[in-house]
Amino acid sequence: MPTTRPTPGDTAWFVHDRFGLFIHWGLYAMPARHEWVQHNEKIPNETYDQKFFTRFDPDLYDPAAWADAAAAAGMKYVVVTVKHHEGFCLWDSAHTDFKATNSPAKCDLLRPLVDAFRARGLRIGLYYSLIDWHHPHFIVDPYIGPCRDHPDRAVLNRGRDQRIYAKYMRDQVTELLTQYGDIDILWFDFSYPKEDGSGKGRAQWESDELYALVRRLRPGIILDDRLDMGDEGWDIKTPEQFQPRGWVHHKGTPVVWEACQTFGGSWGYHRDEASWKSPEQLVHMLIDTVAKGGNLLLNVGPTARGEFDPRAVDRFGALGRWMHHHARAIRGCTQAPDEFVAPTDCRLTWNPVTRRVYVHVFAWPFQILWLDGLGGKVAYAQLLHDGSEIEMKGLEDWQHAFGGDTGAPQKTLSLRLPVRKPDVLVPVIELFLA
């Protein structure tokens, strides 16, 4: 297991818990066709506000139900979008009128969520967009936002001062980090600097001042890597919508990392989006991430009325059923030492405290599973979901004559499996080292 780059934030709990819930929720749940709908369809603020802000009324919002679903699925922390790129704020910020308390919702939507998730023992993370298409001092650029192709963009920018917007961000972050108790994660998103200065990054966000403020208010908070601060100013790397091939590195050094993924193809609620991952794919994704030393942050986009839609409920349930029996192959686990080689169609996770290896079998083989490098090193093997013994023996004596184990290394462990795959999404074999 590699030694990772030291982090200013407290990542000890993070690399133990491994599995978190991402929530993307805002006005974009109402059009229900992607959280970037305002950008994609070039909807002016006046139209967007009139159609959605004046009608946002999540009357079925029950954050306790959200927290129950996340806890039952085995998730140990949550990251919620308190402000996405549209600029709408879930909390009662003193620095804007574009907030939930001024919509038909008429209440701070963040506070009950924080309370509900804390009551279920989940740690709290807040996503805060560096981008804000609604703020009057956010410079309109040619890359991001509904007015990016506006023929009078220069006219739109008259009187705008990006420094005022940067101060606005610091003021809002101060609210979030002082009014909602201990916040464990702050997830900024995102930078897009350009060599000619036309994009936005470290200079435009005044990232150094923002970072210093966050560290002063919450020294142990975990920060993501999207402030455009190079080698500094972050604790975790955040590969998005893809699975890395192995443990994530930064300039040759292993780092603490978190894959952020979605149930479907959108972060926000998308009524007609159909590329939803199957429960088995999601379990594979969780296992694959931990087997490479990372965390999985899995996203749901609640509806405009404040509920998880049936597709999400189905997947929460499936994840929960699998995690009920297999959490100890995920929580507290990481990439297995190099001496242990994963068999074909399997992933290995390893708990360095209990010194147990977990073999996650993606494709159930017939009768025998060979594990190179583990011969003589395992005292006992069992299926994790029911604690039933797996015999550590290979071919019968009479079968050797047919060459069935030809080429197997001397230090290979042979496990004799039941013919039928156990009735779980991914069977896991727990190996107790000698």
Protein backbone atom coordinates (compact mmCIF):
# COMPACT_ATOMS: atom_id res chain seq x y z
CA MET A 1 0.00 0.00 0.00
CA PRO A 2 1.65 3.26 -1.09
CA THR A 3 2.31 6.20 1.21
CA THR A 4 0.21 9.14 0.05
CA ARG A 5 1.06 12.82 -0.16
CA PRO A 6 0.46 14.49 3.25
CA THR A 7 -2.74 16.53 3.44
CA PRO A 8 -3.38 19.69 5.49
CA GLY A 9 -6.97 18.50 6.02
CA ASP A 10 -7.96 15.52 8.14
CA THR A 11 -8.34 12.65 5.68
CA ALA A 12 -7.94 9.79 8.19
CA TRP A 13 -11.70 9.31 8.57
CA PHE A 14 -12.20 9.84 4.84
CA VAL A 15 -9.96 6.99 3.68
CA HIS A 16 -11.59 4.72 6.26
CA ASP A 17 -15.23 5.45 5.36
CA ARG A 18 -14.73 5.20 1.57
CA PHE A 19 -18.34 5.75 0.40
CA GLY A 20 -20.25 9.03 0.21
CA LEU A 21 -23.38 10.57 -1.30
CA PHE A 22 -23.29 13.52 -3.69
CA ILE A 23 -26.52 15.53 -3.99
CA HIS A 24 -27.10 17.96 -6.87
CA TRP A 25 -30.24 19.95 -6.16
CA GLY A 26 -31.32 23.38 -7.27
CA LEU A 27 -33.68 25.18 -9.62
CA TYR A 28 -32.44 22.99 -12.49
CA ALA A 29 -34.53 20.15 -11.03
CA MET A 30 -37.61 21.94 -12.43
CA PRO A 31 -36.77 21.85 -16.16
CA ALA A 32 -35.43 18.34 -15.38
CA ARG A 33 -33.12 18.20 -18.37
CA HIS A 34 -29.59 18.52 -16.96
CA GLU A 35 -28.11 20.79 -14.29
CA TRP A 36 -26.43 22.80 -17.08
CA VAL A 37 -29.77 23.50 -18.75
CA GLN A 38 -29.35 27.28 -18.44
CA HIS A 39 -25.96 27.09 -20.16
CA ASN A 40 -27.00 24.48 -22.73
CA GLU A 41 -30.16 26.30 -23.81
CA LYS A 42 -28.77 29.83 -23.32
CA ILE A 43 -31.64 30.84 -21.05
CA PRO A 44 -31.32 34.48 -19.87
CA ASN A 45 -31.49 35.08 -16.13
CA GLU A 46 -34.76 36.97 -16.44
CA THR A 47 -36.46 34.00 -18.12
CA TYR A 48 -34.84 31.46 -15.82
CA ASP A 49 -35.90 33.37 -12.72
CA GLN A 50 -39.45 33.93 -13.93
CA LYS A 51 -40.01 30.30 -14.90
CA PHE A 52 -38.23 28.50 -12.09
CA PHE A 53 -37.22 30.71 -9.15
CA THR A 54 -40.76 32.06 -8.75
CA ARG A 55 -42.19 28.50 -8.72
CA PHE A 56 -39.62 26.46 -6.78
CA ASP A 57 -41.68 24.77 -4.06
CA PRO A 58 -40.27 21.39 -2.89
CA ASP A 59 -43.31 20.53 -0.79
CA LEU A 60 -42.33 16.85 -0.41
CA TYR A 61 -38.81 17.62 0.82
CA ASP A 62 -37.92 15.24 3.65
CA PRO A 63 -34.19 15.35 4.38
CA ALA A 64 -34.59 12.65 7.05
CA ALA A 65 -35.74 10.26 4.30
CA TRP A 66 -32.68 11.20 2.23
CA ALA A 67 -30.41 10.57 5.20
CA ASP A 68 -32.11 7.24 5.91
CA ALA A 69 -31.56 6.11 2.31
CA ALA A 70 -27.90 7.12 2.35
CA ALA A 71 -27.20 5.46 5.70
CA ALA A 72 -29.00 2.27 4.65
CA ALA A 73 -26.90 2.17 1.47
CA GLY A 74 -23.71 2.18 3.57
CA MET A 75 -22.71 5.76 2.82
CA LYS A 76 -20.82 7.59 5.57
CA TYR A 77 -20.72 11.19 4.35
CA VAL A 78 -22.70 13.56 2.15
CA VAL A 79 -21.71 16.45 -0.14
CA VAL A 80 -24.62 18.72 -1.16
CA THR A 81 -24.66 21.52 -3.73
CA VAL A 82 -25.46 24.58 -1.64
CA LYS A 83 -24.89 26.73 -4.74
CA HIS A 84 -24.45 25.41 -8.28
CA HIS A 85 -23.43 27.37 -11.38
CA GLU A 86 -26.89 28.95 -11.70
CA GLY A 87 -26.12 30.89 -8.48
CA PHE A 88 -29.23 29.82 -6.53
CA CYS A 89 -28.48 29.27 -2.82
CA LEU A 90 -30.14 26.61 -0.67
CA TRP A 91 -29.40 28.53 2.52
CA ASP A 92 -30.52 31.92 3.85
CA SER A 93 -27.46 33.87 2.78
CA ALA A 94 -27.30 37.50 3.85
CA HIS A 95 -25.39 38.39 0.66
CA THR A 96 -27.97 37.61 -2.03
CA ASP A 97 -31.70 37.62 -2.71
CA PHE A 98 -31.38 34.62 -5.05
CA LYS A 99 -31.99 32.01 -2.36
CA ALA A 100 -34.47 29.42 -1.16
CA THR A 101 -35.96 31.66 1.50
CA ASN A 102 -37.13 34.09 -1.21
CA SER A 103 -38.63 31.32 -3.39
CA PRO A 104 -41.99 29.65 -2.68
CA ALA A 105 -40.02 27.19 -0.52
CA LYS A 106 -39.77 30.05 2.03
CA CYS A 107 -37.18 28.32 4.21
CA ASP A 108 -33.51 27.48 4.60
CA LEU A 109 -33.25 24.08 2.88
CA LEU A 110 -29.70 23.41 4.02
CA ARG A 111 -30.12 23.46 7.80
CA PRO A 112 -32.63 20.58 8.05
CA LEU A 113 -30.48 18.53 5.67
CA VAL A 114 -27.34 19.06 7.76
CA ASP A 115 -29.27 18.18 10.93
CA ALA A 116 -30.84 15.06 9.39
CA PHE A 117 -27.60 13.62 8.04
CA ARG A 118 -25.71 14.35 11.25
CA ALA A 119 -28.46 12.57 13.20
CA ARG A 120 -27.79 9.46 11.11
CA GLY A 121 -24.05 9.67 11.81
CA LEU A 122 -22.96 10.96 8.38
CA ARG A 123 -20.29 13.63 8.03
CA ILE A 124 -21.19 16.83 6.17
CA GLY A 125 -19.68 18.21 2.98
CA LEU A 126 -20.74 21.29 1.05
CA TYR A 127 -20.32 21.85 -2.69
CA TYR A 128 -19.92 25.53 -3.59
CA SER A 129 -19.70 26.59 -7.23
CA LEU A 130 -16.97 29.07 -8.08
CA ILE A 131 -19.07 29.87 -11.15
CA ASP A 132 -22.18 32.03 -10.82
CA TRP A 133 -24.16 32.99 -13.92
CA HIS A 134 -26.59 35.05 -11.85
CA HIS A 135 -24.25 37.36 -9.93
CA PRO A 136 -24.09 40.93 -11.34
CA HIS A 137 -20.29 41.11 -10.99
CA PHE A 138 -19.42 37.71 -12.45
CA ILE A 139 -17.60 38.55 -15.68
CA VAL A 140 -19.33 37.01 -18.70
CA ASP A 141 -16.70 35.04 -20.62
CA PRO A 142 -16.82 33.17 -23.95
CA TYR A 143 -16.70 29.71 -22.37
CA ILE A 144 -19.24 29.25 -19.60
CA GLY A 145 -22.79 30.48 -19.09
CA PRO A 146 -25.96 31.36 -20.97
CA CYS A 147 -24.51 34.60 -22.38
CA ARG A 148 -21.18 33.19 -23.56
CA ASP A 149 -22.10 33.80 -27.25
CA HIS A 150 -23.96 37.04 -26.67
CA PRO A 151 -23.09 39.55 -29.42
CA ASP A 152 -22.94 42.36 -26.84
CA ARG A 153 -20.89 40.53 -24.23
CA ALA A 154 -18.62 43.54 -23.79
CA VAL A 155 -21.66 45.69 -23.07
CA LEU A 156 -22.94 43.13 -20.56
CA ASN A 157 -19.62 43.35 -18.73
CA ARG A 158 -19.64 47.12 -18.31
CA GLY A 159 -19.53 47.95 -14.64
CA ARG A 160 -18.83 44.36 -13.57
CA ASP A 161 -15.94 43.83 -11.16
CA GLN A 162 -14.71 40.27 -10.66
CA ARG A 163 -13.03 41.34 -7.41
CA ILE A 164 -16.43 42.15 -5.93
CA TYR A 165 -17.61 38.67 -6.89
CA ALA A 166 -14.51 37.09 -5.29
CA LYS A 167 -15.32 38.96 -2.06
CA TYR A 168 -18.91 37.71 -2.32
CA MET A 169 -17.65 34.14 -2.43
CA ARG A 170 -15.52 34.64 0.67
CA ASP A 171 -18.47 36.17 2.50
CA GLN A 172 -20.72 33.25 1.61
CA VAL A 173 -18.09 30.65 2.49
CA THR A 174 -17.70 32.37 5.85
CA GLU A 175 -21.44 31.93 6.44
CA LEU A 176 -21.32 28.27 5.51
CA LEU A 177 -18.32 27.50 7.71
CA THR A 178 -19.53 29.41 10.77
CA GLN A 179 -23.30 28.86 10.86
CA TYR A 180 -23.70 25.12 10.25
CA GLY A 181 -21.40 23.47 12.76
CA ASP A 182 -18.40 21.36 11.87
CA ILE A 183 -18.19 21.01 8.11
CA ASP A 184 -15.94 18.13 7.07
CA ILE A 185 -15.56 18.71 3.31
CA LEU A 186 -15.67 21.80 1.08
CA TRP A 187 -16.01 20.92 -2.58
CA PHE A 188 -15.24 23.89 -4.88
CA ASP A 189 -16.11 23.61 -8.58
CA PHE A 190 -14.47 24.57 -11.00
CA SER A 191 -11.61 26.47 -12.69
CA TYR A 192 -10.98 26.96 -16.39
CA PRO A 193 -7.97 29.29 -16.76
CA LYS A 194 -6.78 30.34 -20.21
CA GLU A 195 -3.33 31.62 -21.18
CA ASP A 196 -4.76 34.91 -22.44
CA GLY A 197 -6.68 35.50 -19.20
CA SER A 198 -10.09 35.05 -20.82
CA GLY A 199 -11.01 32.11 -18.62
CA LYS A 200 -11.23 31.91 -14.85
CA GLY A 201 -8.85 30.38 -12.34
CA ARG A 202 -6.63 31.22 -9.40
CA ALA A 203 -6.40 34.95 -10.12
CA GLN A 204 -10.09 35.51 -10.87
CA TRP A 205 -11.30 33.54 -7.82
CA GLU A 206 -8.58 35.07 -5.63
CA SER A 207 -8.00 31.47 -4.62
CA ASP A 208 -5.12 32.19 -2.26
CA GLU A 209 -7.28 34.44 -0.09
CA LEU A 210 -10.19 32.02 -0.26
CA TYR A 211 -7.98 29.09 0.70
CA ALA A 212 -6.45 31.01 3.62
CA LEU A 213 -9.94 31.91 4.86
CA VAL A 214 -11.10 28.30 4.76
CA ARG A 215 -8.02 27.02 6.58
CA ARG A 216 -8.40 29.70 9.24
CA LEU A 217 -12.07 28.89 9.86
CA ARG A 218 -11.79 25.09 9.56
CA PRO A 219 -8.15 23.94 9.68
CA GLY A 220 -8.98 20.24 9.35
CA ILE A 221 -11.52 20.50 6.54
CA ILE A 222 -10.98 18.44 3.39
CA LEU A 223 -10.65 20.50 0.19
CA ASP A 224 -10.89 19.26 -3.38
CA ASP A 225 -8.50 20.19 -6.17
CA ARG A 226 -10.45 22.71 -8.27
CA LEU A 227 -9.19 26.10 -7.06
CA ASP A 228 -6.42 26.11 -9.69
CA MET A 229 -3.67 26.26 -7.06
CA GLY A 230 -1.25 23.80 -8.65
CA ASP A 231 0.60 21.66 -6.13
CA GLU A 232 -0.99 23.33 -3.12
CA GLY A 233 -4.42 24.28 -1.82
CA TRP A 234 -6.03 20.84 -1.95
CA ASP A 235 -6.25 17.54 -0.11
CA ILE A 236 -7.92 15.19 -2.60
CA LYS A 237 -7.89 14.58 -6.33
CA THR A 238 -11.35 14.17 -7.85
CA PRO A 239 -11.53 12.21 -11.13
CA GLU A 240 -15.02 12.78 -12.55
CA GLN A 241 -17.20 10.38 -14.54
CA PHE A 242 -14.46 7.84 -15.22
CA GLN A 243 -12.67 5.11 -13.32
CA PRO A 244 -8.88 5.56 -13.04
CA ARG A 245 -6.73 2.61 -14.08
CA GLY A 246 -4.99 2.54 -10.71
CA TRP A 247 -4.18 4.57 -7.62
CA VAL A 248 -4.25 8.26 -8.59
CA HIS A 249 -0.91 10.08 -8.54
CA HIS A 250 0.11 13.74 -8.71
CA LYS A 251 3.53 14.29 -10.26
CA GLY A 252 4.52 10.73 -9.45
CA THR A 253 3.28 10.74 -5.85
CA PRO A 254 0.22 8.75 -4.71
CA VAL A 255 -2.55 10.99 -3.37
CA VAL A 256 -5.81 10.69 -1.48
CA TRP A 257 -8.50 10.54 -4.14
CA GLU A 258 -12.22 10.28 -4.74
CA ALA A 259 -14.06 9.24 -7.88
CA CYS A 260 -17.28 11.23 -8.36
CA GLN A 261 -19.88 9.35 -10.36
CA THR A 262 -23.59 9.52 -11.16
CA PHE A 263 -26.41 6.98 -11.12
CA GLY A 264 -27.29 8.12 -14.65
CA GLY A 265 -25.79 10.51 -17.18
CA SER A 266 -26.67 13.75 -15.39
CA TRP A 267 -25.85 15.23 -11.99
CA GLY A 268 -29.15 17.05 -11.53
CA TYR A 269 -32.56 15.42 -11.90
CA HIS A 270 -33.08 14.49 -15.56
CA ARG A 271 -36.52 13.07 -16.16
CA ASP A 272 -35.87 11.58 -19.62
CA GLU A 273 -32.22 10.52 -19.26
CA ALA A 274 -32.00 6.74 -19.74
CA SER A 275 -28.37 5.68 -19.31
CA TRP A 276 -28.75 4.69 -15.67
CA LYS A 277 -26.16 2.28 -14.33
CA SER A 278 -27.43 -1.07 -13.09
CA PRO A 279 -27.10 -1.95 -9.40
CA GLU A 280 -24.41 -4.47 -10.33
CA GLN A 281 -22.43 -1.79 -12.20
CA LEU A 282 -22.62 0.51 -9.18
CA VAL A 283 -21.35 -2.20 -6.84
CA HIS A 284 -18.55 -2.99 -9.31
CA MET A 285 -17.67 0.72 -9.36
CA LEU A 286 -17.50 0.94 -5.56
CA ILE A 287 -15.33 -2.17 -5.30
CA ASP A 288 -13.04 -1.09 -8.14
CA THR A 289 -12.51 2.31 -6.54
CA VAL A 290 -11.58 0.94 -3.10
CA ALA A 291 -9.37 -1.73 -4.72
CA LYS A 292 -7.36 1.17 -6.18
CA GLY A 293 -7.11 3.03 -2.87
CA GLY A 294 -9.88 5.57 -3.52
CA ASN A 295 -13.27 6.77 -2.31
CA LEU A 296 -16.52 6.76 -4.27
CA LEU A 297 -18.83 9.79 -4.16
CA LEU A 298 -22.05 8.64 -5.84
CA ASN A 299 -24.53 11.27 -6.97
CA VAL A 300 -28.31 11.59 -6.88
CA GLY A 301 -30.38 14.45 -8.30
CA PRO A 302 -33.62 14.90 -6.31
CA THR A 303 -36.80 16.04 -8.05
CA ALA A 304 -38.19 19.57 -7.91
CA ARG A 305 -40.67 18.43 -5.26
CA GLY A 306 -37.84 17.22 -3.07
CA GLU A 307 -37.83 13.44 -3.50
CA PHE A 308 -35.49 10.78 -4.86
CA ASP A 309 -37.12 9.39 -7.99
CA PRO A 310 -37.96 5.64 -8.20
CA ARG A 311 -34.82 4.80 -10.21
CA ALA A 312 -32.66 6.24 -7.45
CA VAL A 313 -34.68 4.56 -4.69
CA ASP A 314 -34.18 1.21 -6.44
CA ARG A 315 -30.40 1.68 -6.55
CA PHE A 316 -30.14 2.87 -2.96
CA GLY A 317 -31.95 -0.30 -1.95
CA ALA A 318 -29.69 -2.57 -3.99
CA LEU A 319 -26.54 -0.91 -2.65
CA GLY A 320 -27.87 -1.23 0.87
CA ARG A 321 -28.62 -4.94 0.51
CA TRP A 322 -25.10 -5.59 -0.76
CA MET A 323 -23.40 -3.35 1.81
CA HIS A 324 -25.38 -4.95 4.65
CA HIS A 325 -23.33 -8.11 4.19
CA HIS A 326 -20.16 -6.75 2.62
CA ALA A 327 -19.37 -3.40 4.26
CA ARG A 328 -16.30 -4.76 6.00
CA ALA A 329 -14.77 -5.48 2.58
CA ILE A 330 -15.11 -1.73 1.82
CA ARG A 331 -14.90 0.29 5.02
CA GLY A 332 -11.38 0.50 6.41
CA CYS A 333 -10.04 -1.18 3.27
CA THR A 334 -7.71 -0.14 0.52
CA GLN A 335 -5.58 -1.50 -2.30
CA ALA A 336 -4.05 -4.90 -1.54
CA PRO A 337 -0.25 -5.21 -1.25
CA ASP A 338 1.51 -5.86 -4.55
CA GLU A 339 2.39 -9.42 -3.52
CA PHE A 340 -1.29 -10.37 -3.77
CA VAL A 341 -2.43 -10.80 -7.37
CA ALA A 342 -6.11 -10.51 -8.26
CA PRO A 343 -7.43 -13.46 -10.27
CA THR A 344 -9.08 -12.84 -13.64
CA ASP A 345 -12.40 -10.99 -13.29
CA CYS A 346 -11.77 -10.21 -9.61
CA ARG A 347 -10.76 -7.25 -7.47
CA LEU A 348 -8.90 -7.36 -4.16
CA THR A 349 -9.38 -5.09 -1.18
CA TRP A 350 -7.28 -5.25 1.96
CA ASN A 351 -7.81 -4.24 5.57
CA PRO A 352 -4.36 -3.45 7.00
CA VAL A 353 -5.67 -3.46 10.58
CA THR A 354 -7.38 -6.87 10.57
CA ARG A 355 -4.96 -8.18 7.92
CA ARG A 356 -7.72 -9.70 5.85
CA VAL A 357 -7.87 -9.87 2.07
CA TYR A 358 -11.21 -9.66 0.29
CA VAL A 359 -11.67 -11.28 -3.11
CA HIS A 360 -14.56 -9.64 -4.99
CA VAL A 361 -15.61 -12.07 -7.71
CA PHE A 362 -17.09 -10.17 -10.67
CA ALA A 363 -17.50 -13.27 -12.86
CA TRP A 364 -18.26 -16.49 -10.98
CA PRO A 365 -15.92 -19.29 -12.11
CA PHE A 366 -16.69 -22.98 -12.12
CA GLN A 367 -15.47 -24.90 -9.09
CA ILE A 368 -11.94 -23.56 -8.55
CA LEU A 369 -10.55 -20.05 -8.03
CA TRP A 370 -6.76 -19.77 -8.24
CA LEU A 371 -4.96 -17.02 -6.29
CA ASP A 372 -1.32 -16.63 -7.19
CA GLY A 373 1.04 -15.53 -4.42
CA LEU A 374 -1.26 -16.58 -1.56
CA GLY A 375 -0.31 -20.23 -1.26
CA GLY A 376 0.63 -21.01 2.35
CA LYS A 377 -0.35 -17.52 3.53
CA VAL A 378 -4.04 -18.05 4.30
CA ALA A 379 -5.37 -19.76 7.44
CA TYR A 380 -9.07 -19.68 6.61
CA ALA A 381 -11.44 -18.64 3.81
CA GLN A 382 -15.16 -17.93 3.85
CA LEU A 383 -17.92 -16.34 1.83
CA LEU A 384 -18.51 -13.00 3.48
CA HIS A 385 -22.28 -12.70 3.01
CA ASP A 386 -23.09 -15.78 5.13
CA GLY A 387 -19.80 -16.71 6.82
CA SER A 388 -19.73 -20.15 5.19
CA GLU A 389 -16.38 -21.88 4.80
CA ILE A 390 -14.64 -22.09 1.46
CA GLU A 391 -12.37 -25.12 1.31
CA MET A 392 -8.76 -24.39 0.46
CA LYS A 393 -8.11 -27.23 -1.91
CA GLY A 394 -7.74 -27.54 -5.61
CA LEU A 395 -8.15 -30.46 -7.94
CA GLU A 396 -8.88 -33.96 -6.76
CA ASP A 397 -5.92 -36.38 -6.94
CA TRP A 398 -7.30 -38.13 -10.00
CA GLN A 399 -7.80 -34.84 -11.86
CA HIS A 400 -4.12 -33.92 -11.81
CA ALA A 401 -3.40 -36.48 -14.50
CA PHE A 402 -5.34 -34.40 -16.98
CA GLY A 403 -3.15 -31.31 -16.52
CA GLY A 404 -5.85 -29.05 -15.11
CA ASP A 405 -3.40 -27.08 -12.98
CA THR A 406 -0.65 -26.85 -15.57
CA GLY A 407 1.29 -23.62 -15.18
CA ALA A 408 -0.01 -22.79 -11.70
CA PRO A 409 2.83 -21.30 -9.61
CA GLN A 410 3.94 -23.23 -6.53
CA LYS A 411 2.64 -20.48 -4.20
CA THR A 412 -0.87 -20.52 -5.62
CA LEU A 413 -3.88 -20.83 -3.31
CA SER A 414 -6.73 -22.93 -4.68
CA LEU A 415 -10.27 -22.29 -3.43
CA ARG A 416 -13.05 -24.78 -4.14
CA LEU A 417 -16.22 -22.81 -4.82
CA PRO A 418 -19.87 -23.86 -4.89
CA VAL A 419 -21.10 -24.48 -8.42
CA ARG A 420 -23.85 -21.88 -8.20
CA LYS A 421 -23.02 -18.23 -7.68
CA PRO A 422 -24.36 -16.96 -4.33
CA ASP A 423 -27.46 -14.80 -4.61
CA VAL A 424 -25.69 -11.47 -4.12
CA LEU A 425 -24.68 -8.89 -6.72
CA VAL A 426 -20.97 -9.52 -6.21
CA PRO A 427 -19.83 -12.44 -4.01
CA VAL A 428 -16.89 -11.70 -1.72
CA ILE A 429 -14.47 -14.22 -0.24
CA GLU A 430 -12.81 -13.21 3.01
CA LEU A 431 -9.29 -14.52 3.53
CA PHE A 432 -7.79 -14.67 7.02
CA LEU A 433 -4.02 -14.50 6.66
CA ALA A 434 -1.95 -17.05 8.57
